[in-house]
Amino acid sequence: MRSTIVEGTRRVVELCRAHGVGRLLAAELRRRVSRPSVAGRPLSEDDPLGWDTPDDDRCVYHQAKRQMESLVVAGGLDGGPAVSIARLFAFVGPGLPLDRHFAIGNFIADALAGGPVVVHGDGTPVRSYLYAADMAAWLWTILLDGPAGRATTSVRSDL
């Protein structure tokens, strides 16, 4: 997983530089892989993510995502394209699997089946979802008008 993320990113930056690409939008899906709370409060996007054990798959995934961000920003500073990074959070829209581990897909499947909408857990987590078409519009906005060299722009629905 790490080599796919890191080497794939390195190759994209090299291709952009070789072909004179002026702007690059690096979009990454953010997966919650961190502890459920920090000092007794819910996590925010600004909290450090990851795990303490480097051999844990969750840690490897997160480390690779951080390295990907560093690679595209460095590539933009070294004669490469102007880079914006979009961190993508919870989305809903056409094509979302209704039978997988995505909570919103399970909620929709429950409603379509006419049954109760089942929420697993104690009800304390709060999540909002952004519609896929709105996500696409924001990605175009970030690519065309986003600040170059900015490390991240979070693309999500506000609560």
C-alpha atoms as a PDB file:
ATOM      1  CA  MET A   1       0.000   0.000   0.000  1.00  0.00           C
ATOM      2  CA  ARG A   2       2.737   2.472   0.941  1.00  0.00           C
ATOM      3  CA  SER A   3       4.710   1.950  -2.263  1.00  0.00           C
ATOM      4  CA  THR A   4       1.572   2.378  -4.389  1.00  0.00           C
ATOM      5  CA  ILE A   5       0.717   5.710  -2.750  1.00  0.00           C
ATOM      6  CA  VAL A   6       4.262   7.093  -2.593  1.00  0.00           C
ATOM      7  CA  GLU A   7       5.662   5.846  -5.901  1.00  0.00           C
ATOM      8  CA  GLY A   8       2.446   6.656  -7.742  1.00  0.00           C
ATOM      9  CA  THR A   9       2.593  10.208  -6.398  1.00  0.00           C
ATOM     10  CA  ARG A  10       6.254  10.562  -7.312  1.00  0.00           C
ATOM     11  CA  ARG A  11       5.481   9.438 -10.878  1.00  0.00           C
ATOM     12  CA  VAL A  12       2.567  11.878 -11.249  1.00  0.00           C
ATOM     13  CA  VAL A  13       4.769  14.785 -10.107  1.00  0.00           C
ATOM     14  CA  GLU A  14       7.510  13.729 -12.561  1.00  0.00           C
ATOM     15  CA  LEU A  15       5.003  13.514 -15.441  1.00  0.00           C
ATOM     16  CA  CYS A  16       3.576  16.932 -14.594  1.00  0.00           C
ATOM     17  CA  ARG A  17       7.041  18.451 -14.573  1.00  0.00           C
ATOM     18  CA  ALA A  18       8.053  16.710 -17.838  1.00  0.00           C
ATOM     19  CA  HIS A  19       4.932  17.897 -19.665  1.00  0.00           C
ATOM     20  CA  GLY A  20       4.787  21.433 -18.286  1.00  0.00           C
ATOM     21  CA  VAL A  21       1.576  21.018 -16.320  1.00  0.00           C
ATOM     22  CA  GLY A  22       0.814  24.327 -14.607  1.00  0.00           C
ATOM     23  CA  ARG A  23      -1.509  23.179 -11.801  1.00  0.00           C
ATOM     24  CA  LEU A  24      -2.001  19.914  -9.956  1.00  0.00           C
ATOM     25  CA  LEU A  25      -4.811  18.968  -7.614  1.00  0.00           C
ATOM     26  CA  ALA A  26      -3.875  16.089  -5.354  1.00  0.00           C
ATOM     27  CA  ALA A  27      -7.100  14.663  -3.926  1.00  0.00           C
ATOM     28  CA  GLU A  28      -6.964  12.093  -1.187  1.00  0.00           C
ATOM     29  CA  LEU A  29      -9.679  10.247   0.612  1.00  0.00           C
ATOM     30  CA  ARG A  30      -9.287  10.653   4.344  1.00  0.00           C
ATOM     31  CA  ARG A  31     -10.036   7.616   6.391  1.00  0.00           C
ATOM     32  CA  ARG A  32     -10.492   7.850  10.120  1.00  0.00           C
ATOM     33  CA  VAL A  33      -7.662   5.716  11.420  1.00  0.00           C
ATOM     34  CA  SER A  34      -6.949   7.435  14.680  1.00  0.00           C
ATOM     35  CA  ARG A  35      -8.008   7.015  18.242  1.00  0.00           C
ATOM     36  CA  PRO A  36     -11.677   7.788  18.965  1.00  0.00           C
ATOM     37  CA  SER A  37     -10.912  10.791  21.163  1.00  0.00           C
ATOM     38  CA  VAL A  38      -8.166  13.088  22.365  1.00  0.00           C
ATOM     39  CA  ALA A  39      -8.236  14.191  26.007  1.00  0.00           C
ATOM     40  CA  GLY A  40     -11.887  13.200  26.368  1.00  0.00           C
ATOM     41  CA  ARG A  41     -13.181  15.167  23.358  1.00  0.00           C
ATOM     42  CA  PRO A  42     -14.093  14.102  19.820  1.00  0.00           C
ATOM     43  CA  LEU A  43     -11.373  14.250  17.158  1.00  0.00           C
ATOM     44  CA  SER A  44     -11.225  17.175  14.785  1.00  0.00           C
ATOM     45  CA  GLU A  45      -9.502  17.388  11.398  1.00  0.00           C
ATOM     46  CA  ASP A  46      -6.602  19.218  13.024  1.00  0.00           C
ATOM     47  CA  ASP A  47      -5.817  16.481  15.535  1.00  0.00           C
ATOM     48  CA  PRO A  48      -2.791  14.320  14.792  1.00  0.00           C
ATOM     49  CA  LEU A  49      -3.810  11.073  13.130  1.00  0.00           C
ATOM     50  CA  GLY A  50      -2.126   7.724  13.039  1.00  0.00           C
ATOM     51  CA  TRP A  51      -0.917   5.108  15.453  1.00  0.00           C
ATOM     52  CA  ASP A  52       2.183   4.707  17.549  1.00  0.00           C
ATOM     53  CA  THR A  53       3.197   1.329  16.181  1.00  0.00           C
ATOM     54  CA  PRO A  54       4.932   1.655  12.800  1.00  0.00           C
ATOM     55  CA  ASP A  55       4.109  -1.938  11.811  1.00  0.00           C
ATOM     56  CA  ASP A  56       0.360  -1.340  12.210  1.00  0.00           C
ATOM     57  CA  ASP A  57      -1.365  -1.117   8.782  1.00  0.00           C
ATOM     58  CA  ARG A  58      -3.282   1.958   9.948  1.00  0.00           C
ATOM     59  CA  CYS A  59       0.010   3.714  10.684  1.00  0.00           C
ATOM     60  CA  VAL A  60       1.516   2.736   7.312  1.00  0.00           C
ATOM     61  CA  TYR A  61      -1.543   4.082   5.475  1.00  0.00           C
ATOM     62  CA  HIS A  62      -1.446   7.391   7.299  1.00  0.00           C
ATOM     63  CA  GLN A  63       2.340   7.776   6.974  1.00  0.00           C
ATOM     64  CA  ALA A  64       2.051   7.175   3.220  1.00  0.00           C
ATOM     65  CA  LYS A  65      -0.662   9.842   2.926  1.00  0.00           C
ATOM     66  CA  ARG A  66       1.555  12.350   4.751  1.00  0.00           C
ATOM     67  CA  GLN A  67       4.472  11.451   2.488  1.00  0.00           C
ATOM     68  CA  MET A  68       2.234  11.893  -0.574  1.00  0.00           C
ATOM     69  CA  GLU A  69       1.352  15.419   0.562  1.00  0.00           C
ATOM     70  CA  SER A  70       5.029  16.232   1.143  1.00  0.00           C
ATOM     71  CA  LEU A  71       5.998  14.904  -2.293  1.00  0.00           C
ATOM     72  CA  VAL A  72       3.461  16.975  -4.232  1.00  0.00           C
ATOM     73  CA  VAL A  73       4.221  20.155  -2.281  1.00  0.00           C
ATOM     74  CA  ALA A  74       7.986  19.661  -2.751  1.00  0.00           C
ATOM     75  CA  GLY A  75       7.457  18.877  -6.443  1.00  0.00           C
ATOM     76  CA  GLY A  76       5.576  22.139  -6.838  1.00  0.00           C
ATOM     77  CA  LEU A  77       8.397  24.090  -5.203  1.00  0.00           C
ATOM     78  CA  ASP A  78      11.054  22.529  -7.429  1.00  0.00           C
ATOM     79  CA  GLY A  79       9.902  23.771 -10.829  1.00  0.00           C
ATOM     80  CA  GLY A  80       6.819  21.572 -10.911  1.00  0.00           C
ATOM     81  CA  PRO A  81       3.157  22.520 -11.046  1.00  0.00           C
ATOM     82  CA  ALA A  82       1.389  24.789  -8.587  1.00  0.00           C
ATOM     83  CA  VAL A  83      -0.123  22.297  -6.162  1.00  0.00           C
ATOM     84  CA  SER A  84      -3.331  22.273  -4.144  1.00  0.00           C
ATOM     85  CA  ILE A  85      -4.240  19.329  -1.928  1.00  0.00           C
ATOM     86  CA  ALA A  86      -7.829  18.358  -1.160  1.00  0.00           C
ATOM     87  CA  ARG A  87      -8.568  16.053   1.750  1.00  0.00           C
ATOM     88  CA  LEU A  88     -11.863  14.345   1.039  1.00  0.00           C
ATOM     89  CA  PHE A  89     -14.193  13.280   3.834  1.00  0.00           C
ATOM     90  CA  ALA A  90     -17.626  11.591   3.993  1.00  0.00           C
ATOM     91  CA  PHE A  91     -19.616  11.724   0.734  1.00  0.00           C
ATOM     92  CA  VAL A  92     -22.835  10.299  -0.594  1.00  0.00           C
ATOM     93  CA  GLY A  93     -24.151   9.943  -4.128  1.00  0.00           C
ATOM     94  CA  PRO A  94     -24.758   7.605  -7.059  1.00  0.00           C
ATOM     95  CA  GLY A  95     -22.619   4.480  -7.059  1.00  0.00           C
ATOM     96  CA  LEU A  96     -22.217   4.331  -3.288  1.00  0.00           C
ATOM     97  CA  PRO A  97     -22.296   0.654  -2.270  1.00  0.00           C
ATOM     98  CA  LEU A  98     -25.295  -0.132  -0.102  1.00  0.00           C
ATOM     99  CA  ASP A  99     -23.883  -3.406   1.200  1.00  0.00           C
ATOM    100  CA  ARG A 100     -20.426  -2.469   2.478  1.00  0.00           C
ATOM    101  CA  HIS A 101     -18.927  -0.850   5.543  1.00  0.00           C
ATOM    102  CA  PHE A 102     -20.054   2.685   4.627  1.00  0.00           C
ATOM    103  CA  ALA A 103     -22.535   3.858   7.269  1.00  0.00           C
ATOM    104  CA  ILE A 104     -24.542   6.119   4.944  1.00  0.00           C
ATOM    105  CA  GLY A 105     -24.911   3.289   2.404  1.00  0.00           C
ATOM    106  CA  ASN A 106     -26.242   1.024   5.135  1.00  0.00           C
ATOM    107  CA  PHE A 107     -28.700   3.717   6.279  1.00  0.00           C
ATOM    108  CA  ILE A 108     -29.984   4.142   2.711  1.00  0.00           C
ATOM    109  CA  ALA A 109     -30.271   0.362   2.228  1.00  0.00           C
ATOM    110  CA  ASP A 110     -32.249   0.061   5.478  1.00  0.00           C
ATOM    111  CA  ALA A 111     -34.626   2.841   4.395  1.00  0.00           C
ATOM    112  CA  LEU A 112     -35.086   1.403   0.882  1.00  0.00           C
ATOM    113  CA  ALA A 113     -35.913  -1.995   2.394  1.00  0.00           C
ATOM    114  CA  GLY A 114     -38.653  -0.352   4.459  1.00  0.00           C
ATOM    115  CA  GLY A 115     -37.107  -1.376   7.737  1.00  0.00           C
ATOM    116  CA  PRO A 116     -35.727   0.627  10.597  1.00  0.00           C
ATOM    117  CA  VAL A 117     -32.474   2.521   9.996  1.00  0.00           C
ATOM    118  CA  VAL A 118     -29.960   0.692  12.160  1.00  0.00           C
ATOM    119  CA  VAL A 119     -27.188   2.676  13.820  1.00  0.00           C
ATOM    120  CA  HIS A 120     -24.411   0.541  15.274  1.00  0.00           C
ATOM    121  CA  GLY A 121     -22.780   2.141  18.285  1.00  0.00           C
ATOM    122  CA  ASP A 122     -23.830   4.296  21.191  1.00  0.00           C
ATOM    123  CA  GLY A 123     -25.069   7.235  19.098  1.00  0.00           C
ATOM    124  CA  THR A 124     -22.372   9.683  20.166  1.00  0.00           C
ATOM    125  CA  PRO A 125     -20.419   9.998  16.869  1.00  0.00           C
ATOM    126  CA  VAL A 126     -21.590  12.825  14.618  1.00  0.00           C
ATOM    127  CA  ARG A 127     -20.940  12.789  10.893  1.00  0.00           C
ATOM    128  CA  SER A 128     -22.162  14.903   8.018  1.00  0.00           C
ATOM    129  CA  TYR A 129     -22.123  13.968   4.350  1.00  0.00           C
ATOM    130  CA  LEU A 130     -21.490  16.034   1.240  1.00  0.00           C
ATOM    131  CA  TYR A 131     -23.257  15.097  -1.996  1.00  0.00           C
ATOM    132  CA  ALA A 132     -20.883  13.809  -4.701  1.00  0.00           C
ATOM    133  CA  ALA A 133     -21.841  16.490  -7.256  1.00  0.00           C
ATOM    134  CA  ASP A 134     -21.033  19.190  -4.698  1.00  0.00           C
ATOM    135  CA  MET A 135     -17.693  17.490  -4.056  1.00  0.00           C
ATOM    136  CA  ALA A 136     -16.930  17.588  -7.785  1.00  0.00           C
ATOM    137  CA  ALA A 137     -17.776  21.296  -7.944  1.00  0.00           C
ATOM    138  CA  TRP A 138     -15.478  22.038  -4.998  1.00  0.00           C
ATOM    139  CA  LEU A 139     -12.636  20.014  -6.516  1.00  0.00           C
ATOM    140  CA  TRP A 140     -12.868  22.049  -9.737  1.00  0.00           C
ATOM    141  CA  THR A 141     -12.910  25.239  -7.656  1.00  0.00           C
ATOM    142  CA  ILE A 142      -9.818  24.173  -5.727  1.00  0.00           C
ATOM    143  CA  LEU A 143      -7.990  23.154  -8.911  1.00  0.00           C
ATOM    144  CA  LEU A 144      -8.781  26.349 -10.830  1.00  0.00           C
ATOM    145  CA  ASP A 145      -8.878  28.949  -8.048  1.00  0.00           C
ATOM    146  CA  GLY A 146      -7.338  27.311  -4.968  1.00  0.00           C
ATOM    147  CA  PRO A 147      -4.233  28.764  -3.374  1.00  0.00           C
ATOM    148  CA  ALA A 148      -1.143  27.138  -4.870  1.00  0.00           C
ATOM    149  CA  GLY A 149       1.259  25.606  -2.400  1.00  0.00           C
ATOM    150  CA  ARG A 150      -1.350  25.393   0.325  1.00  0.00           C
ATOM    151  CA  ALA A 151      -0.871  22.140   2.145  1.00  0.00           C
ATOM    152  CA  THR A 152      -4.536  21.178   2.423  1.00  0.00           C
ATOM    153  CA  THR A 153      -8.097  22.132   1.821  1.00  0.00           C
ATOM    154  CA  SER A 154     -10.681  19.947   3.547  1.00  0.00           C
ATOM    155  CA  VAL A 155     -13.621  19.031   1.334  1.00  0.00           C
ATOM    156  CA  ARG A 156     -16.495  18.074   3.578  1.00  0.00           C
ATOM    157  CA  SER A 157     -19.946  19.065   4.702  1.00  0.00           C
ATOM    158  CA  ASP A 158     -19.998  21.281   7.755  1.00  0.00           C
ATOM    159  CA  LEU A 159     -22.269  20.232  10.583  1.00  0.00           C
END
